[in-house]
Amino acid sequence: MLKPLLEPFVMGAIQLKNRFVMAPLTRQRAGKKLETTELHALYYQQRASAGLIISEASQISPKGQGYPNTPGIYSQEQIAGWKKVTKAVHQAGGRIVCQLWHVGRHSHPLIQLDGGLPVGPSAVAETGHVTTLQGKMDPVVPKALSLIEIKATIEDYRKAAKNAIEAGFDGVEIHGANGYLIDQFLNDNSNIRTDHYGGSIPNKARFALEVVEAIVNEIGAERTGIRLSPSGRNFGISNENPVETFTYLIQKLNNFKLAFIHLIEPFTHTIESLDNYLVSPTAYFKPLIESPVITAGGMTFELAEKMLNEGHADLAAFGRDFISNPDLVERYRNHWPLQPYDTETFYGGNESGYTDYPFYQTELQTG
């Protein structure tokens, strides 16, 4: 009998060889035109034993960028770069989807290619700091999107999804989590609009649902997923009614019959409550969701098996362990020890801490 994480799974139009998901991981190694390179192709190919790879977040437009050297999916150079990645992953027998990203207010004029203000649902600054090539900066007050700009941004999502399929991806994941643009629309203190994109829960969810609809109409629901963080409070995001908000959103998402919904756990599985937030949103929302569910957030093999065995999720996403263990699936299969990761090489740089982590069998030969 196969271990639960090694069982195959069908996710929409995508046949997966196991239930391991490589989580989207920002690594900030894009080229001068924010394109992926041969180095990216090798990095992802090394990890193609995962049932599904979700690419690092890729901005849908220049306005959507929030960090230095993150790849885009809006230009022909970027499409060509991603073709190298998808070809390499497919040659190794893997499956990969592109995470579509707009950071919203989590940006800075030093990062914006036009030097302008970042945009968001409302002219409300986030908390914390923004990373630029000149170092950490205080957040700025973003420009509130006009109705025309909202429609244009939805169109950017649609085009990005089309570009992803042209680049050879098996589908897309809409980044609706972690305090970025879609999440900013969903939450109270980042969205103080008084038009039909703010105020009530249906209004705050409208932007997310219109993005999903545009992408589904372009590439099909069977190749479309979305990532959500119902208990997330990144960059000062807060919500008075998070359970009601995400219950409404998920019920509406069910109408699309998406390939998957990806839920992030709040990195704790032991305490009883997080104010008005759920300790385990995956366990709570799974019975309400009619699509396959990926769970993520502080995953260990033991926790992932528990989530699958108890019916709280269908697949489990691993992030940092995939960085330092390109053969993570084989290490699980064979009870091999895991290699520690080096946080100093997570962001930016070259092959160091990126493509030079050895496979376990190579360790044995050279150790």
Protein backbone atom coordinates (compact mmCIF):
# COMPACT_ATOMS: atom_id res chain seq x y z
CA MET A 1 0.00 0.00 0.00
CA LEU A 2 1.37 3.39 -1.03
CA LYS A 3 2.05 6.05 1.54
CA PRO A 4 -0.66 8.73 1.26
CA LEU A 5 1.64 11.38 -0.21
CA LEU A 6 2.78 8.99 -2.94
CA GLU A 7 -0.68 8.22 -4.30
CA PRO A 8 -1.45 9.63 -7.75
CA PHE A 9 -4.15 12.27 -8.14
CA VAL A 10 -6.14 13.94 -10.90
CA MET A 11 -6.49 17.70 -10.49
CA GLY A 12 -8.75 19.16 -13.15
CA ALA A 13 -6.98 18.57 -16.47
CA ILE A 14 -3.69 17.73 -14.75
CA GLN A 15 -2.64 14.16 -13.92
CA LEU A 16 -0.30 14.11 -10.91
CA LYS A 17 2.03 11.23 -10.07
CA ASN A 18 1.89 11.97 -6.33
CA ARG A 19 0.37 14.39 -3.84
CA PHE A 20 3.49 16.42 -3.18
CA VAL A 21 3.19 20.04 -4.24
CA MET A 22 6.21 22.31 -4.46
CA ALA A 23 4.91 25.56 -3.00
CA PRO A 24 5.50 28.87 -4.80
CA LEU A 25 8.81 30.28 -3.60
CA THR A 26 10.09 33.76 -4.39
CA ARG A 27 13.83 33.54 -5.13
CA GLN A 28 14.57 36.88 -6.85
CA ARG A 29 16.92 35.63 -9.55
CA ALA A 30 15.24 36.92 -12.72
CA GLY A 31 17.22 38.39 -15.59
CA LYS A 32 17.49 42.02 -16.70
CA LYS A 33 14.09 41.94 -18.40
CA LEU A 34 12.62 40.04 -15.45
CA GLU A 35 12.74 36.83 -17.44
CA THR A 36 13.60 33.34 -16.22
CA THR A 37 16.84 31.79 -17.45
CA GLU A 38 18.56 28.42 -17.93
CA LEU A 39 19.37 28.54 -14.21
CA HIS A 40 15.65 28.60 -13.39
CA ALA A 41 15.06 25.74 -15.79
CA LEU A 42 17.62 23.60 -13.97
CA TYR A 43 16.25 24.56 -10.54
CA TYR A 44 12.71 23.53 -11.40
CA GLN A 45 13.78 20.43 -13.34
CA GLN A 46 15.71 19.20 -10.30
CA ARG A 47 12.43 19.28 -8.33
CA ALA A 48 10.19 17.73 -10.99
CA SER A 49 9.56 14.61 -8.89
CA ALA A 50 6.88 16.66 -7.10
CA GLY A 51 3.39 15.81 -8.25
CA LEU A 52 2.86 19.49 -8.97
CA ILE A 53 5.21 22.47 -9.01
CA ILE A 54 3.70 25.89 -8.44
CA SER A 55 6.09 28.42 -9.88
CA GLU A 56 7.46 31.35 -7.96
CA ALA A 57 5.03 34.25 -8.03
CA SER A 58 5.21 36.08 -11.36
CA GLN A 59 3.84 39.57 -11.78
CA ILE A 60 1.08 40.01 -14.35
CA SER A 61 2.19 43.55 -15.23
CA PRO A 62 4.94 46.06 -14.39
CA LYS A 63 2.54 47.60 -11.84
CA GLY A 64 2.25 44.25 -10.10
CA GLN A 65 5.90 44.03 -9.04
CA GLY A 66 6.77 44.35 -5.37
CA TYR A 67 10.30 42.95 -5.00
CA PRO A 68 13.54 43.28 -6.96
CA ASN A 69 14.36 40.69 -9.62
CA THR A 70 11.10 38.76 -9.59
CA PRO A 71 9.99 37.28 -12.92
CA GLY A 72 7.03 38.48 -14.92
CA ILE A 73 4.59 36.80 -17.27
CA TYR A 74 3.56 39.81 -19.36
CA SER A 75 6.24 40.18 -22.07
CA GLN A 76 7.45 38.04 -24.96
CA GLU A 77 10.91 37.79 -23.37
CA GLN A 78 9.31 36.47 -20.19
CA ILE A 79 7.16 33.96 -22.08
CA ALA A 80 10.30 32.72 -23.86
CA GLY A 81 12.13 32.40 -20.55
CA TRP A 82 9.32 30.40 -18.98
CA LYS A 83 9.22 28.09 -22.02
CA LYS A 84 12.70 26.90 -21.03
CA VAL A 85 11.40 26.10 -17.55
CA THR A 86 8.24 24.27 -18.57
CA LYS A 87 10.13 22.25 -21.21
CA ALA A 88 12.72 21.18 -18.64
CA VAL A 89 10.06 20.20 -16.08
CA HIS A 90 8.03 18.25 -18.64
CA GLN A 91 11.14 16.45 -19.92
CA ALA A 92 11.68 15.25 -16.34
CA GLY A 93 8.09 14.01 -16.10
CA GLY A 94 6.80 16.86 -13.93
CA ARG A 95 3.81 19.18 -14.00
CA ILE A 96 3.99 22.91 -13.36
CA VAL A 97 1.52 25.79 -13.04
CA CYS A 98 2.32 29.50 -13.03
CA GLN A 99 1.43 31.58 -10.00
CA LEU A 100 -0.08 34.86 -11.20
CA TRP A 101 0.82 37.77 -8.94
CA HIS A 102 -0.07 41.39 -8.36
CA VAL A 103 1.33 42.73 -5.10
CA GLY A 104 -0.97 45.76 -4.97
CA ARG A 105 0.16 48.23 -2.32
CA HIS A 106 3.12 46.09 -1.23
CA SER A 107 5.56 47.92 -3.47
CA HIS A 108 7.48 51.17 -3.66
CA PRO A 109 8.32 53.80 -6.30
CA LEU A 110 11.89 52.43 -6.27
CA ILE A 111 10.50 49.10 -7.49
CA GLN A 112 7.84 50.38 -9.85
CA LEU A 113 9.32 50.48 -13.35
CA ASP A 114 7.66 53.84 -14.01
CA GLY A 115 8.77 55.23 -10.64
CA GLY A 116 5.15 55.86 -9.70
CA LEU A 117 3.09 54.92 -6.68
CA PRO A 118 1.95 51.34 -6.19
CA VAL A 119 -1.78 50.75 -6.40
CA GLY A 120 -4.30 49.16 -4.07
CA PRO A 121 -8.01 49.01 -3.34
CA SER A 122 -7.73 52.14 -1.19
CA ALA A 123 -5.22 54.84 -0.35
CA VAL A 124 -4.15 53.09 2.87
CA ALA A 125 -0.52 52.23 3.57
CA GLU A 126 0.45 48.84 4.93
CA THR A 127 2.59 48.23 8.00
CA GLY A 128 6.19 47.03 8.11
CA HIS A 129 8.74 47.60 5.38
CA VAL A 130 9.14 47.11 1.64
CA THR A 131 12.30 45.52 0.20
CA THR A 132 14.09 47.48 -2.52
CA LEU A 133 17.56 47.35 -4.06
CA GLN A 134 18.36 50.34 -1.83
CA GLY A 135 17.35 48.38 1.26
CA LYS A 136 14.25 48.29 3.45
CA MET A 137 11.92 51.24 2.98
CA ASP A 138 8.86 52.50 4.81
CA PRO A 139 5.66 51.72 2.91
CA VAL A 140 4.05 54.49 0.90
CA VAL A 141 0.37 55.33 0.61
CA PRO A 142 -0.79 53.61 -2.59
CA LYS A 143 -2.98 55.09 -5.28
CA ALA A 144 -6.54 53.77 -5.01
CA LEU A 145 -7.50 51.94 -8.19
CA SER A 146 -10.23 53.61 -10.23
CA LEU A 147 -13.03 51.50 -11.69
CA ILE A 148 -11.36 51.73 -15.09
CA GLU A 149 -8.04 50.62 -13.58
CA ILE A 150 -9.74 47.70 -11.83
CA LYS A 151 -11.10 46.48 -15.16
CA ALA A 152 -7.67 46.94 -16.76
CA THR A 153 -6.03 44.93 -13.96
CA ILE A 154 -8.52 42.10 -14.43
CA GLU A 155 -7.60 42.17 -18.11
CA ASP A 156 -3.92 41.93 -17.12
CA TYR A 157 -4.72 38.76 -15.17
CA ARG A 158 -6.49 37.31 -18.21
CA LYS A 159 -3.59 38.09 -20.53
CA ALA A 160 -1.10 36.66 -18.03
CA ALA A 161 -3.06 33.40 -17.89
CA LYS A 162 -3.07 33.23 -21.67
CA ASN A 163 0.69 33.91 -21.69
CA ALA A 164 1.25 31.14 -19.14
CA ILE A 165 -0.44 28.57 -21.36
CA GLU A 166 1.57 29.87 -24.33
CA ALA A 167 4.70 29.40 -22.22
CA GLY A 168 3.83 25.73 -21.73
CA PHE A 169 2.46 25.75 -18.20
CA ASP A 170 -0.11 23.09 -17.31
CA GLY A 171 -2.29 25.74 -15.69
CA VAL A 172 -2.18 28.74 -13.37
CA GLU A 173 -2.60 29.52 -9.71
CA ILE A 174 -4.08 32.93 -8.90
CA HIS A 175 -2.24 34.42 -5.93
CA GLY A 176 -5.08 35.56 -3.71
CA ALA A 177 -3.21 35.32 -0.41
CA ASN A 178 -0.56 36.84 1.86
CA GLY A 179 -1.61 40.48 1.85
CA TYR A 180 -1.22 41.08 -1.89
CA LEU A 181 -3.76 42.75 -4.18
CA ILE A 182 -6.63 40.24 -4.14
CA ASP A 183 -6.22 39.75 -0.40
CA GLN A 184 -6.18 43.54 0.05
CA PHE A 185 -9.60 43.73 -1.58
CA LEU A 186 -10.93 40.97 0.71
CA ASN A 187 -9.89 42.56 3.99
CA ASP A 188 -11.37 45.42 6.01
CA ASN A 189 -8.47 47.69 6.84
CA SER A 190 -6.93 47.60 3.35
CA ASN A 191 -10.25 48.05 1.52
CA ILE A 192 -12.27 51.06 2.68
CA ARG A 193 -13.99 51.61 -0.65
CA THR A 194 -17.61 52.72 -0.73
CA ASP A 195 -18.40 51.57 -4.29
CA HIS A 196 -19.38 48.06 -5.36
CA TYR A 197 -15.83 46.78 -4.69
CA GLY A 198 -15.96 47.62 -0.96
CA GLY A 199 -18.12 47.62 2.14
CA SER A 200 -20.10 44.38 2.21
CA ILE A 201 -18.50 40.94 2.00
CA PRO A 202 -19.95 40.33 -1.51
CA ASN A 203 -18.52 43.64 -2.65
CA LYS A 204 -15.07 42.96 -1.17
CA ALA A 205 -15.05 39.52 -2.85
CA ARG A 206 -16.11 40.92 -6.22
CA PHE A 207 -12.60 41.65 -7.49
CA ALA A 208 -11.35 38.14 -6.70
CA LEU A 209 -14.34 36.55 -8.38
CA GLU A 210 -14.05 38.73 -11.48
CA VAL A 211 -10.37 37.80 -11.80
CA VAL A 212 -11.27 34.11 -11.53
CA GLU A 213 -14.06 34.47 -14.08
CA ALA A 214 -11.79 36.21 -16.59
CA ILE A 215 -9.10 33.54 -16.29
CA VAL A 216 -11.54 30.62 -16.40
CA ASN A 217 -13.09 32.07 -19.55
CA GLU A 218 -9.61 32.32 -21.09
CA ILE A 219 -7.96 28.98 -20.20
CA GLY A 220 -10.68 26.84 -18.57
CA ALA A 221 -11.54 26.05 -14.97
CA GLU A 222 -9.78 22.70 -15.27
CA ARG A 223 -6.44 24.56 -15.50
CA THR A 224 -7.17 27.28 -12.94
CA GLY A 225 -6.55 27.29 -9.19
CA ILE A 226 -6.37 29.94 -6.49
CA ARG A 227 -4.33 30.36 -3.32
CA LEU A 228 -5.96 31.91 -0.24
CA SER A 229 -4.86 32.70 3.31
CA PRO A 230 -8.07 32.87 5.39
CA SER A 231 -6.10 33.27 8.62
CA GLY A 232 -3.31 35.42 7.21
CA ARG A 233 -2.38 38.86 8.50
CA ASN A 234 0.58 39.71 6.29
CA PHE A 235 1.65 43.35 6.06
CA GLY A 236 -0.95 44.47 8.58
CA ILE A 237 -3.99 42.94 6.87
CA SER A 238 -6.91 42.40 9.24
CA ASN A 239 -10.52 41.29 8.96
CA GLU A 240 -13.34 41.57 11.46
CA ASN A 241 -15.16 38.62 9.89
CA PRO A 242 -12.60 36.38 8.21
CA VAL A 243 -14.63 33.17 8.49
CA GLU A 244 -17.72 34.75 6.96
CA THR A 245 -15.65 36.47 4.27
CA PHE A 246 -13.91 33.32 3.11
CA THR A 247 -16.99 31.16 3.47
CA TYR A 248 -18.77 33.48 1.05
CA LEU A 249 -15.81 33.53 -1.33
CA ILE A 250 -15.39 29.75 -1.32
CA GLN A 251 -19.09 29.14 -1.92
CA LYS A 252 -18.90 31.42 -4.94
CA LEU A 253 -15.70 29.75 -6.15
CA ASN A 254 -17.50 26.41 -6.11
CA ASN A 255 -19.58 27.64 -9.06
CA PHE A 256 -16.46 27.66 -11.23
CA LYS A 257 -15.41 24.05 -10.50
CA LEU A 258 -11.76 25.06 -10.29
CA ALA A 259 -8.89 22.60 -10.62
CA PHE A 260 -7.88 23.32 -7.01
CA ILE A 261 -8.07 25.67 -4.05
CA HIS A 262 -4.84 26.14 -2.11
CA LEU A 263 -5.20 27.14 1.56
CA ILE A 264 -2.41 28.42 3.79
CA GLU A 265 -2.31 27.39 7.43
CA PRO A 266 -1.23 30.09 9.94
CA PHE A 267 1.94 28.20 10.96
CA THR A 268 0.48 26.84 14.19
CA HIS A 269 -1.34 23.62 14.83
CA THR A 270 -1.37 23.50 18.61
CA ILE A 271 -3.25 26.48 20.04
CA GLU A 272 -6.99 26.84 20.43
CA SER A 273 -7.69 30.21 18.83
CA LEU A 274 -6.26 33.13 16.91
CA ASP A 275 -8.69 35.85 17.94
CA ASN A 276 -11.41 35.69 15.28
CA TYR A 277 -9.21 33.66 12.91
CA LEU A 278 -9.24 29.90 12.37
CA VAL A 279 -6.30 27.89 13.67
CA SER A 280 -6.72 25.41 10.80
CA PRO A 281 -8.61 26.98 7.91
CA THR A 282 -7.94 23.93 5.74
CA ALA A 283 -9.76 21.58 8.11
CA TYR A 284 -12.62 24.05 8.52
CA PHE A 285 -13.15 24.90 4.86
CA LYS A 286 -12.47 21.49 3.26
CA PRO A 287 -16.08 20.26 3.72
CA LEU A 288 -17.32 23.43 2.00
CA ILE A 289 -15.02 23.16 -1.01
CA GLU A 290 -16.03 21.24 -4.13
CA SER A 291 -12.56 21.36 -5.73
CA PRO A 292 -9.41 19.47 -4.72
CA VAL A 293 -7.70 21.15 -1.77
CA ILE A 294 -3.99 21.79 -1.28
CA THR A 295 -2.84 22.58 2.26
CA ALA A 296 0.32 24.57 3.00
CA GLY A 297 2.11 26.27 5.86
CA GLY A 298 4.78 24.70 8.04
CA MET A 299 4.24 21.26 6.50
CA THR A 300 6.15 18.25 7.77
CA PHE A 301 5.76 14.74 6.42
CA GLU A 302 3.86 13.75 9.56
CA LEU A 303 1.52 16.72 9.47
CA ALA A 304 0.86 16.31 5.74
CA GLU A 305 0.01 12.62 6.21
CA LYS A 306 -2.32 13.51 9.06
CA MET A 307 -4.12 16.15 6.98
CA LEU A 308 -4.59 13.71 4.10
CA ASN A 309 -5.56 10.72 6.24
CA GLU A 310 -8.15 12.77 8.14
CA GLY A 311 -9.65 14.08 4.92
CA HIS A 312 -8.70 17.71 5.55
CA ALA A 313 -6.78 18.03 2.28
CA ASP A 314 -6.05 16.18 -0.95
CA LEU A 315 -2.50 17.38 -1.48
CA ALA A 316 0.21 19.00 0.65
CA ALA A 317 2.58 21.80 -0.35
CA PHE A 318 6.15 21.98 0.91
CA GLY A 319 8.25 25.11 0.54
CA ARG A 320 11.60 25.50 2.25
CA ASP A 321 12.27 21.75 2.38
CA PHE A 322 12.01 21.65 -1.42
CA ILE A 323 14.64 24.38 -1.64
CA SER A 324 17.31 22.29 0.10
CA ASN A 325 16.02 18.87 -0.93
CA PRO A 326 15.42 18.70 -4.68
CA ASP A 327 14.73 15.00 -4.18
CA LEU A 328 12.25 15.58 -1.33
CA VAL A 329 9.84 12.96 -2.67
CA GLU A 330 12.53 10.27 -2.70
CA ARG A 331 13.68 11.25 0.78
CA TYR A 332 10.12 10.72 1.98
CA ARG A 333 9.79 7.44 0.10
CA ASN A 334 13.03 6.02 1.47
CA HIS A 335 13.09 7.61 4.96
CA TRP A 336 16.26 9.49 4.08
CA PRO A 337 17.22 12.46 6.29
CA LEU A 338 16.44 15.97 5.13
CA GLN A 339 19.11 18.50 4.29
CA PRO A 340 18.88 21.85 6.12
CA TYR A 341 18.31 25.01 4.12
CA ASP A 342 20.36 28.18 4.19
CA THR A 343 18.14 31.25 4.64
CA GLU A 344 21.00 33.54 3.58
CA THR A 345 20.69 32.32 -0.02
CA PHE A 346 16.89 32.35 -0.30
CA TYR A 347 16.68 35.69 -2.14
CA GLY A 348 18.84 36.85 -5.01
CA GLY A 349 22.26 35.62 -6.04
CA ASN A 350 23.32 32.82 -8.35
CA GLU A 351 23.39 29.04 -8.25
CA SER A 352 24.61 29.04 -4.64
CA GLY A 353 21.74 27.86 -2.46
CA TYR A 354 19.64 27.46 -5.60
CA THR A 355 20.76 24.64 -7.88
CA ASP A 356 23.74 23.31 -5.89
CA TYR A 357 21.91 21.40 -3.14
CA PRO A 358 22.91 17.74 -3.68
CA PHE A 359 20.56 14.83 -4.14
CA TYR A 360 20.82 12.26 -1.35
CA GLN A 361 22.48 9.62 -3.50
CA THR A 362 25.05 12.20 -4.60
CA GLU A 363 25.68 12.99 -0.94
CA LEU A 364 26.44 9.31 -0.32
CA GLN A 365 28.87 9.18 -3.22
CA THR A 366 30.73 12.34 -2.30
CA GLY A 367 30.32 12.39 1.48
